Protein backbone atom coordinates (compact mmCIF):
# COMPACT_ATOMS: atom_id res chain seq x y z
CA UNK A 1 1.61 -22.79 65.22
CA UNK A 2 0.80 -21.65 61.53
CA UNK A 3 3.23 -18.87 60.21
CA UNK A 4 2.08 -15.66 59.32
CA UNK A 5 1.47 -15.07 56.43
CA UNK A 6 3.34 -12.53 54.41
CA UNK A 7 1.42 -9.21 53.77
CA UNK A 8 0.28 -9.06 49.97
CA UNK A 9 1.68 -6.00 48.14
CA UNK A 10 -0.20 -4.05 47.00
CA UNK A 11 -0.55 -3.51 42.86
CA UNK A 12 -0.50 -0.60 40.96
CA UNK A 13 -3.11 0.85 38.56
CA UNK A 14 -0.86 1.52 35.66
CA UNK A 15 -1.57 2.35 31.84
CA UNK A 16 1.61 2.15 29.47
CA UNK A 17 3.92 0.46 27.08
CA UNK A 18 7.58 -0.45 27.82
CA UNK A 19 9.97 -1.31 25.26
CA UNK A 20 12.02 -4.46 26.78
CA UNK A 21 15.05 -5.45 25.30
CA UNK A 22 14.56 -8.78 25.77
CA UNK A 23 18.21 -11.24 26.80
CA UNK A 24 18.95 -14.17 25.17
CA UNK A 25 17.50 -17.97 27.02
CA UNK A 26 14.71 -16.11 28.81
CA UNK A 27 10.94 -16.79 26.89
CA UNK A 28 8.60 -13.90 26.47
CA UNK A 29 6.18 -14.66 29.40
CA UNK A 30 9.15 -15.07 32.11
CA UNK A 31 10.32 -11.51 31.05
CA UNK A 32 6.54 -10.24 31.39
CA UNK A 33 6.47 -12.06 34.44
CA UNK A 34 9.31 -10.32 35.85
CA UNK A 35 8.76 -6.80 34.49
CA UNK A 36 4.89 -6.77 35.83
CA UNK A 37 7.10 -7.66 39.51
CA UNK A 38 9.04 -5.18 39.20
CA UNK A 39 6.30 -2.38 38.66
CA UNK A 40 3.65 -3.69 40.75
CA UNK A 41 1.42 -3.71 37.91
CA UNK A 42 -2.30 -5.24 38.30
CA UNK A 43 -2.11 -6.22 34.02
CA UNK A 44 0.05 -7.01 32.02
CA UNK A 45 -0.11 -8.49 28.33
CA UNK A 46 2.91 -8.59 25.60
CA UNK A 47 2.41 -8.65 21.74
CA UNK A 48 3.58 -11.55 20.72
CA UNK A 49 6.07 -13.69 21.87
CA UNK A 50 9.91 -13.54 20.89
CA UNK A 51 11.39 -17.03 21.20
CA UNK A 52 14.18 -17.78 24.41
CA UNK A 53 17.08 -17.96 21.93
CA UNK A 54 16.36 -14.82 20.16
CA UNK A 55 16.53 -11.48 21.95
CA UNK A 56 15.77 -8.07 21.30
CA UNK A 57 12.45 -5.65 21.26
CA UNK A 58 9.54 -7.16 23.48
CA UNK A 59 6.46 -4.55 24.13
CA UNK A 60 5.09 -5.15 27.00
CA UNK A 61 1.14 -3.36 28.15
CA UNK A 62 0.06 -2.36 30.74
CA UNK A 63 -3.50 -1.53 31.85
CA UNK A 64 -5.54 0.27 29.32
CA UNK A 65 -2.54 -0.74 26.56
CA UNK A 66 -3.42 -4.22 26.78
CA UNK A 67 -6.61 -3.38 24.69
CA UNK A 68 -4.37 -2.61 21.82
CA UNK A 69 -1.96 -5.09 21.35
CA UNK A 70 -3.23 -6.71 19.05
CA UNK A 71 -2.20 -3.80 16.15
CA UNK A 72 1.21 -4.85 17.41
CA UNK A 73 0.79 -8.99 16.69
CA UNK A 74 -0.47 -7.95 13.22
CA UNK A 75 2.61 -5.56 12.50
CA UNK A 76 5.91 -6.06 10.31
CA UNK A 77 8.89 -7.25 12.47
CA UNK A 78 11.97 -5.75 11.86
CA UNK A 79 14.65 -8.41 12.95
CA UNK A 80 18.81 -9.04 12.58
CA UNK A 81 19.63 -12.50 12.17
CA UNK A 82 22.97 -14.66 11.27
CA UNK A 83 22.44 -17.92 9.64
CA UNK A 84 25.20 -21.13 9.17
CA UNK A 85 25.12 -22.42 5.56
CA UNK A 86 26.59 -26.36 4.67
CA UNK A 87 24.02 -27.47 8.27
CA UNK A 88 20.66 -28.18 8.66
CA UNK A 89 18.99 -28.85 12.02
CA UNK A 90 15.79 -30.33 13.69
CA UNK A 91 14.89 -27.12 14.67
CA UNK A 92 16.25 -25.09 11.97
CA UNK A 93 17.97 -23.22 14.46
CA UNK A 94 20.64 -23.49 16.61
CA UNK A 95 18.92 -25.11 19.55
CA UNK A 96 18.62 -28.66 17.44
CA UNK A 97 21.11 -31.36 16.54
CA UNK A 98 22.32 -31.21 13.57
CA UNK A 99 20.66 -33.81 10.82
CA UNK A 100 22.41 -33.32 7.80
CA UNK A 101 26.09 -31.42 6.62
CA UNK A 102 26.88 -30.43 3.00
CA UNK A 103 29.55 -28.58 1.38
CA UNK A 104 29.80 -25.15 0.93
CA UNK A 105 30.81 -23.88 -1.99
CA UNK A 106 28.72 -20.62 -3.05
CA UNK A 107 30.49 -17.28 -2.84
CA UNK A 108 29.24 -13.73 -1.85
CA UNK A 109 27.37 -12.89 -4.69
CA UNK A 110 25.74 -16.40 -4.88
CA UNK A 111 24.35 -15.52 -1.59
CA UNK A 112 23.50 -12.34 -2.90
CA UNK A 113 21.78 -13.77 -5.54
CA UNK A 114 19.55 -15.84 -3.88
CA UNK A 115 18.50 -13.58 -0.78
CA UNK A 116 16.88 -11.76 -3.62
CA UNK A 117 14.60 -14.69 -4.71
CA UNK A 118 12.84 -14.94 -1.65
CA UNK A 119 11.45 -10.57 -1.38
CA UNK A 120 8.38 -9.68 -1.88
CA UNK A 121 5.65 -11.96 -1.87
CA UNK A 122 6.67 -15.67 -1.24
CA UNK A 123 5.16 -19.07 0.66
CA UNK A 124 6.24 -20.25 3.60
CA UNK A 125 6.07 -24.37 5.33
CA UNK A 126 5.44 -23.62 9.04
CA UNK A 127 8.30 -25.30 11.00
CA UNK A 128 7.20 -28.71 12.56
CA UNK A 129 9.16 -26.90 16.44
CA UNK A 130 6.75 -24.31 16.30
CA UNK A 131 3.28 -23.17 18.29
CA UNK A 132 0.58 -23.77 15.16
CA UNK A 133 -1.92 -26.14 16.31
CA UNK A 134 -3.08 -29.18 14.41
CA UNK A 135 -6.16 -31.14 15.79
CA UNK A 136 -6.11 -28.53 18.97
CA UNK A 137 -2.18 -29.70 19.79
CA UNK A 138 0.77 -27.80 18.97
CA UNK A 139 3.04 -28.95 16.12
CA UNK A 140 5.97 -28.81 18.45
CA UNK A 141 4.67 -31.39 20.23
CA UNK A 142 4.36 -33.95 17.45
CA UNK A 143 7.67 -32.96 16.45
CA UNK A 144 9.20 -34.00 20.07
CA UNK A 145 7.51 -37.40 19.38
CA UNK A 146 9.09 -37.85 16.50
CA UNK A 147 5.94 -37.23 14.10
CA UNK A 148 5.87 -35.19 11.12
CA UNK A 149 2.34 -33.49 9.77
CA UNK A 150 1.66 -32.38 7.01
CA UNK A 151 1.61 -28.46 6.92
CA UNK A 152 -0.09 -26.00 4.07
CA UNK A 153 2.12 -23.21 2.72
CA UNK A 154 0.96 -19.87 4.17
CA UNK A 155 1.48 -16.65 2.39
CA UNK A 156 3.96 -13.94 3.84
CA UNK A 157 5.56 -11.00 2.60
CA UNK A 158 9.65 -10.04 2.45
CA UNK A 159 9.46 -6.20 2.65
CA UNK A 160 13.17 -5.83 2.78
CA UNK A 161 16.19 -8.70 3.18
CA UNK A 162 19.56 -7.35 2.84
CA UNK A 163 23.02 -8.80 3.98
CA UNK A 164 25.03 -7.65 6.73
CA UNK A 165 28.08 -9.39 6.79
CA UNK A 166 29.48 -11.94 4.62
CA UNK A 167 32.14 -14.84 6.67
CA UNK A 168 30.94 -17.73 4.95
CA UNK A 169 29.61 -20.24 6.23
CA UNK A 170 28.55 -17.11 8.40
CA UNK A 171 25.85 -14.78 6.56
CA UNK A 172 24.43 -11.74 8.55
CA UNK A 173 21.12 -9.80 7.14
CA UNK A 174 18.68 -7.72 8.32
CA UNK A 175 14.87 -9.03 6.78
CA UNK A 176 11.72 -6.55 7.62
CA UNK A 177 8.68 -9.09 7.55
CA UNK A 178 4.55 -9.72 8.31
CA UNK A 179 3.26 -11.40 10.77
CA UNK A 180 3.17 -15.05 10.43
CA UNK A 181 6.83 -15.29 9.05
CA UNK A 182 9.51 -17.42 10.41
CA UNK A 183 13.23 -16.52 10.27
CA UNK A 184 14.58 -19.66 10.81
CA UNK A 185 12.73 -21.15 8.28
CA UNK A 186 13.69 -17.78 5.81
CA UNK A 187 17.18 -19.03 6.92
CA UNK A 188 16.41 -22.47 5.72
CA UNK A 189 14.90 -21.99 2.49
CA UNK A 190 17.70 -19.67 1.49
CA UNK A 191 20.27 -22.72 2.23
CA UNK A 192 17.99 -24.86 -0.02
CA UNK A 193 18.00 -22.26 -2.62
CA UNK A 194 21.89 -22.33 -2.93
CA UNK A 195 22.32 -26.16 -2.68
CA UNK A 196 24.01 -26.66 1.21
CA UNK A 197 20.92 -26.13 3.41
CA UNK A 198 21.54 -24.17 6.46
CA UNK A 199 20.50 -23.22 10.04
CA UNK A 200 19.77 -19.99 12.01
CA UNK A 201 22.36 -18.99 15.07
CA UNK A 202 21.40 -15.71 16.04
CA UNK A 203 18.65 -14.02 15.55
CA UNK A 204 17.30 -10.09 17.41
CA UNK A 205 14.24 -8.49 16.44
CA UNK A 206 14.50 -4.61 16.16
CA UNK A 207 11.82 -3.49 15.38
CA UNK A 208 7.69 -4.13 15.72
CA UNK A 209 5.63 -1.67 13.21
CA UNK A 210 6.82 1.84 14.07
CA UNK A 211 8.37 0.88 17.79
CA UNK A 212 12.22 0.26 17.78
CA UNK A 213 14.99 -0.95 20.16
CA UNK A 214 16.05 2.96 20.37
CA UNK A 215 13.89 3.76 23.90
CA UNK A 216 14.54 -0.30 24.84
CA UNK A 217 15.47 -0.90 28.36
CA UNK A 218 16.85 -4.52 29.63
CA UNK A 219 15.35 -5.99 32.69
CA UNK A 220 18.81 -5.62 34.35
CA UNK A 221 18.59 -1.64 34.35
CA UNK A 222 14.72 -1.89 35.70
CA UNK A 223 15.84 -4.07 38.45
CA UNK A 224 19.19 -1.50 39.73
CA UNK A 225 16.54 1.18 39.36
CA UNK A 226 15.01 2.78 42.28
CA UNK A 227 11.18 1.86 42.00
CA UNK A 228 10.24 5.47 41.51
CA UNK A 229 12.85 5.54 38.57
CA UNK A 230 11.35 2.79 36.68
CA UNK A 231 8.55 4.66 35.57
CA UNK A 232 10.68 6.88 33.15
CA UNK A 233 10.44 3.97 30.48
CA UNK A 234 7.20 3.68 29.92
CA UNK A 235 5.51 4.94 26.98
CA UNK A 236 2.70 7.00 26.71
CA UNK A 237 -0.26 3.67 25.96
CA UNK A 238 -1.00 5.74 22.00
CA UNK A 239 2.92 4.60 21.24
CA UNK A 240 1.22 1.33 19.67
CA UNK A 241 -0.74 3.92 17.83
CA UNK A 242 1.35 6.16 15.93
CA UNK A 243 0.40 4.91 12.86
CA UNK A 244 -3.03 5.53 12.90
CA UNK A 245 -4.13 9.50 11.57
CA UNK A 246 -5.42 11.59 14.71
CA UNK A 247 -9.02 12.88 15.47
CA UNK A 248 -9.21 15.35 17.75
CA UNK A 249 -12.80 16.01 18.86
CA UNK A 250 -14.82 19.16 21.18
CA UNK A 251 -16.22 18.73 24.96
CA UNK A 252 -19.91 17.69 23.64
CA UNK A 253 -18.19 14.87 20.35
CA UNK A 254 -15.79 13.78 23.31
CA UNK A 255 -19.14 13.17 25.90
CA UNK A 256 -20.95 11.07 22.92
CA UNK A 257 -17.61 9.29 22.11
CA UNK A 258 -16.82 8.03 25.53
CA UNK A 259 -20.74 6.67 25.53
CA UNK A 260 -19.78 4.70 22.57
CA UNK A 261 -21.98 6.85 20.30
CA UNK A 262 -21.20 7.38 16.73
CA UNK A 263 -20.47 10.54 15.67
CA UNK A 264 -21.03 12.01 11.99
CA UNK A 265 -18.28 12.80 10.15
CA UNK A 266 -20.18 16.23 8.57
CA UNK A 267 -19.96 17.33 12.21
CA UNK A 268 -16.24 16.53 12.59
CA UNK A 269 -13.18 18.62 10.89
CA UNK A 270 -10.78 15.87 9.73
CA UNK A 271 -7.42 16.08 8.14
CA UNK A 272 -6.89 15.11 5.23
CA UNK A 273 -4.87 11.48 6.11
CA UNK A 274 -7.44 10.93 8.64
CA UNK A 275 -10.72 11.64 6.14
CA UNK A 276 -9.01 8.52 3.76
CA UNK A 277 -8.19 6.26 7.08
CA UNK A 278 -9.62 3.31 7.99
CA UNK A 279 -9.02 3.55 11.82
CA UNK A 280 -8.04 6.81 13.82
CA UNK A 281 -6.74 7.68 17.16
CA UNK A 282 -9.26 10.00 18.90
CA UNK A 283 -8.16 12.35 21.18
CA UNK A 284 -10.09 15.15 23.73
CA UNK A 285 -8.89 18.56 24.01
CA UNK A 286 -5.23 18.78 25.43
CA UNK A 287 -4.56 15.55 24.06
CA UNK A 288 -6.26 13.06 26.03
CA UNK A 289 -6.10 9.60 24.32
CA UNK A 290 -9.61 8.32 23.94
CA UNK A 291 -9.48 5.42 21.90
CA UNK A 292 -9.38 3.81 18.55
CA UNK A 293 -12.60 4.24 16.12
CA UNK A 294 -13.30 3.18 12.75
CA UNK A 295 -14.73 5.64 9.81
CA UNK A 296 -16.83 4.42 7.11
CA UNK A 297 -20.84 5.13 5.77
CA UNK A 298 -20.25 8.98 6.97
CA UNK A 299 -20.03 8.01 10.69
CA UNK A 300 -17.18 7.75 13.03
CA UNK A 301 -17.14 4.69 15.21
CA UNK A 302 -15.99 3.69 18.66
CA UNK A 303 -13.80 0.82 18.29
CA UNK A 304 -11.89 0.33 21.61
CA UNK A 305 -12.11 2.65 24.10
CA UNK A 306 -9.65 3.86 27.03
CA UNK A 307 -10.81 3.88 30.33
CA UNK A 308 -9.34 6.05 33.27
CA UNK A 309 -10.38 7.95 35.62
CA UNK A 310 -10.06 11.15 33.93
CA UNK A 311 -12.47 9.29 31.41
CA UNK A 312 -15.00 7.67 33.81
CA UNK A 313 -16.38 10.54 34.98
CA UNK A 314 -16.55 12.32 31.50
C-alpha cells in the first residue's frame, strides 16, 4: 500500500530583503534555504557568498528584490577580522593545516606600518582555495588534488584598513574593500610584509554597501518567532538601492515607464543629485517603487522594473 503523500505547503509571493546574521559553520546557500523555508517564500536568492568559517551580514533577497542582488555583488564590503602571525596555512585560514611556522619578532608599531602599505589600490593573487575557475574547474578542486596553477594578480581597492586590537601573535583589524578582495589573502600578505607569515583565524562581515548588521537577525531568532512575526525583519526592496538618487514620476510618466518607454528628461523634474547620476531609483506617487533606470542622452531609460500586483494593473 502506497503511503499517502504529504500535502504541499503553499509558498508565499514575498518581496523584500532580509538582513541575516549568518552563523559560523553554515554555508550561504544553506542559510538561504533555511530562511526561505521559514518564510515559505516562492523565490529567494543571496547577494554573494560568505564562507562557512565567516559570520555576519548576508543580505537575502525575496521575490522582486532578487532583480537587484547584482548591485550588492558589486558593492564594497566591510569586515572585522583577526589574523595570527607566525603561521602560514594551506588555505590561508584556520581551516587549513599549518605549512610553515616562523618566529614573530615584530612589535605593534611595525604591524601598523605594514598595514598602511596595503591601503588604496593594490594587486592580489587569488588563493588556490577559492571558487574562481580555471579551464572550467574551480581552483579549490586543483588545490585539493595537490596542484598549484598560475594565477594572475587582480586589482582591488582597500578603502579603509585599521587595527582594532593587537595581542601578538594575534591582530584584529577592520577593513572596507572592493568586490573581489580576499581578506585571508590580505592577512597573508601583511604577514609576509612583516617577515613572519600569517593566516586568518576569524572573520565577520559587518557591512555590504550601505547595509549593516544593525537591523540583522539570526536564524535562531527567526526559528523561535511565530510565523506571523517574521515579516517584521523584512526590509523593503529599495533597501538595496539606497545609494541611488531617487526620481518621482507623475501618473502618465509612471504608465509609460512601466511599459518600458524612455522618458525625456526635459519633461521630468529632477533633483540636482539625480540629474547628475548614471542610475536612479524610480518611484510613482506615494513612494511606490517602480524600478531603476539609467540617465543618458537626454532620456530616462528603464533598466529593471518591479512587478507587483499593483504595478501589473497600472
